[in-house]
Protein backbone atom coordinates (compact mmCIF):
# COMPACT_ATOMS: atom_id res chain seq x y z
CA UNK A 1 176.29 7.79 -76.30
CA UNK A 2 178.05 6.71 -79.22
CA UNK A 3 181.80 8.05 -80.13
CA UNK A 4 180.25 9.85 -83.03
CA UNK A 5 177.66 11.50 -80.79
CA UNK A 6 180.19 12.70 -78.56
CA UNK A 7 182.29 14.21 -81.63
CA UNK A 8 179.58 16.31 -83.41
CA UNK A 9 176.75 18.05 -81.96
CA UNK A 10 173.46 16.88 -82.51
CA UNK A 11 171.05 18.88 -84.88
CA UNK A 12 168.51 21.21 -83.35
CA UNK A 13 165.84 22.14 -84.14
CA UNK A 14 164.21 19.54 -86.55
CA UNK A 15 161.81 21.56 -88.46
CA UNK A 16 158.42 19.64 -90.00
CA UNK A 17 159.60 20.48 -93.50
CA UNK A 18 163.09 18.89 -93.09
CA UNK A 19 161.75 15.70 -91.71
CA UNK A 20 162.04 13.81 -94.78
CA UNK A 21 165.76 14.76 -94.97
CA UNK A 22 166.55 13.36 -91.54
CA UNK A 23 164.39 10.06 -91.95
CA UNK A 24 166.29 9.56 -95.25
CA UNK A 25 169.61 9.98 -93.76
CA UNK A 26 168.79 7.32 -90.98
CA UNK A 27 168.05 5.00 -93.97
CA UNK A 28 171.60 5.85 -95.47
CA UNK A 29 169.54 8.19 -98.34
CA UNK A 30 170.34 11.31 -99.26
CA UNK A 31 166.77 13.00 -99.79
CA UNK A 32 166.36 16.42 -101.77
CA UNK A 33 163.28 18.50 -102.06
CA UNK A 34 162.31 19.12 -105.44
CA UNK A 35 159.51 21.30 -106.84
CA UNK A 36 156.78 19.37 -108.48
CA UNK A 37 155.85 22.48 -110.57
CA UNK A 38 159.15 23.58 -111.83
CA UNK A 39 161.21 20.31 -111.13
CA UNK A 40 163.88 22.86 -109.24
CA UNK A 41 165.92 20.68 -106.71
CA UNK A 42 167.10 22.54 -103.60
CA UNK A 43 168.43 22.50 -100.29
CA UNK A 44 167.80 23.33 -97.19
CA UNK A 45 164.05 21.99 -96.65
CA UNK A 46 161.53 24.49 -96.76
CA UNK A 47 157.90 25.09 -97.61
CA UNK A 48 158.27 26.88 -100.68
CA UNK A 49 160.10 26.39 -103.88
CA UNK A 50 162.64 29.22 -104.16
CA UNK A 51 162.61 29.52 -107.65
CA UNK A 52 158.96 29.70 -108.51
CA UNK A 53 157.32 30.00 -104.98
CA UNK A 54 155.25 27.03 -105.55
CA UNK A 55 154.22 24.77 -102.22
CA UNK A 56 153.97 21.74 -104.19
CA UNK A 57 157.05 20.14 -102.76
CA UNK A 58 158.13 16.50 -103.09
CA UNK A 59 161.21 14.56 -102.57
CA UNK A 60 163.93 12.60 -104.53
CA UNK A 61 166.57 10.69 -103.55
CA UNK A 62 170.09 12.06 -104.43
CA UNK A 63 172.71 10.11 -106.21
CA UNK A 64 175.14 11.17 -103.55
CA UNK A 65 177.41 12.13 -106.25
CA UNK A 66 178.63 15.65 -106.75
CA UNK A 67 181.87 17.81 -107.00
CA UNK A 68 183.79 19.92 -104.20
CA UNK A 69 182.34 23.41 -104.97
CA UNK A 70 184.71 25.21 -102.28
CA UNK A 71 186.83 24.17 -98.98
CA UNK A 72 188.36 25.35 -96.11
CA UNK A 73 190.77 23.70 -93.59
CA UNK A 74 190.08 24.25 -90.03
CA UNK A 75 192.91 24.24 -87.60
CA UNK A 76 190.50 25.29 -84.68
CA UNK A 77 187.12 23.72 -83.35
CA UNK A 78 184.04 25.42 -84.63
CA UNK A 79 182.57 25.50 -81.27
CA UNK A 80 183.04 23.68 -78.04
CA UNK A 81 180.24 21.66 -79.10
CA UNK A 82 182.18 20.18 -82.21
CA UNK A 83 184.65 17.81 -80.84
CA UNK A 84 186.44 16.51 -83.86
CA UNK A 85 189.79 16.79 -83.63
CA UNK A 86 191.47 19.40 -86.02
CA UNK A 87 192.58 19.77 -88.69
CA UNK A 88 189.68 18.71 -90.64
CA UNK A 89 187.95 19.93 -93.95
CA UNK A 90 184.88 21.75 -94.43
CA UNK A 91 183.47 21.42 -97.50
CA UNK A 92 180.63 22.86 -99.91
CA UNK A 93 179.61 20.22 -101.95
CA UNK A 94 177.61 20.67 -105.39
CA UNK A 95 175.59 17.89 -105.98
CA UNK A 96 174.91 16.24 -109.55
CA UNK A 97 171.12 17.49 -109.00
CA UNK A 98 172.24 21.07 -108.29
CA UNK A 99 171.94 21.80 -104.44
CA UNK A 100 174.86 22.79 -102.83
CA UNK A 101 175.39 22.03 -99.06
CA UNK A 102 177.76 22.04 -96.13
CA UNK A 103 179.47 19.16 -94.89
CA UNK A 104 182.83 17.36 -93.95
CA UNK A 105 185.50 15.94 -96.21
CA UNK A 106 186.94 12.71 -95.27
CA UNK A 107 189.10 10.08 -96.63
CA UNK A 108 191.72 12.37 -97.29
CA UNK A 109 194.56 14.32 -95.68
CA UNK A 110 193.55 17.73 -94.60
CA UNK A 111 196.22 18.88 -97.04
CA UNK A 112 195.38 21.68 -99.70
CA UNK A 113 198.17 20.00 -102.16
CA UNK A 114 196.07 16.95 -101.94
CA UNK A 115 192.16 18.59 -101.95
CA UNK A 116 191.08 20.31 -105.41
CA UNK A 117 187.87 22.35 -106.11
CA UNK A 118 185.89 20.30 -108.54
CA UNK A 119 187.19 16.92 -107.32
CA UNK A 120 184.81 14.21 -107.80
CA UNK A 121 182.98 13.42 -104.26
CA UNK A 122 180.57 10.86 -103.00
CA UNK A 123 178.40 10.73 -99.98
CA UNK A 124 179.33 8.38 -96.65
CA UNK A 125 176.86 8.56 -93.83
CA UNK A 126 177.88 8.93 -90.14
CA UNK A 127 175.38 7.74 -87.60
CA UNK A 128 175.41 9.70 -84.55
CA UNK A 129 172.78 7.78 -82.43
CA UNK A 130 169.51 5.92 -83.51
CA UNK A 131 167.84 9.35 -84.45
CA UNK A 132 170.30 11.30 -86.41
CA UNK A 133 172.70 10.62 -89.38
CA UNK A 134 174.62 12.92 -91.06
CA UNK A 135 175.94 13.02 -94.58
CA UNK A 136 179.74 13.35 -94.91
CA UNK A 137 181.45 13.53 -98.29
CA UNK A 138 184.67 11.71 -99.82
CA UNK A 139 186.88 11.55 -102.97
CA UNK A 140 185.33 9.28 -105.43
CA UNK A 141 187.62 5.88 -105.03
CA UNK A 142 188.95 6.85 -101.20
CA UNK A 143 188.34 4.37 -98.93
CA UNK A 144 186.73 6.23 -96.11
CA UNK A 145 183.46 4.69 -94.74
CA UNK A 146 181.96 7.09 -92.89
CA UNK A 147 184.25 7.08 -90.11
CA UNK A 148 186.61 10.07 -89.52
CA UNK A 149 186.87 13.59 -89.39
């Protein structure tokens, strides 16, 4: 097992509608479902558009850029399966394409004096094993390269 695989629990279960998301991450691409009828881009992957209820769902590659919508500094592990040493930053990121997703903010000290909502962030990728890679986010311009909390 890789060091990253030991720190973060592996995603379970993988649904068929989420396969393009996980396949994209493995190639370091953040893929998002997008309705082919109304154009709404959304997250989490599902079989119908949450806006117009169309079943015509396609996939687009996200720019990987967005802003920090909300955050929390965790001083205790989320669960026994999560071995990343606290403190770490839980982040709700609003992507340029519109969807929000939960992740971790890396490349910055977990200090509320340094972190602010609306700060620009960009995706970095952490490979857990040959099958799973997860998206993390760092402040734009920071040196984080997918490693870290």
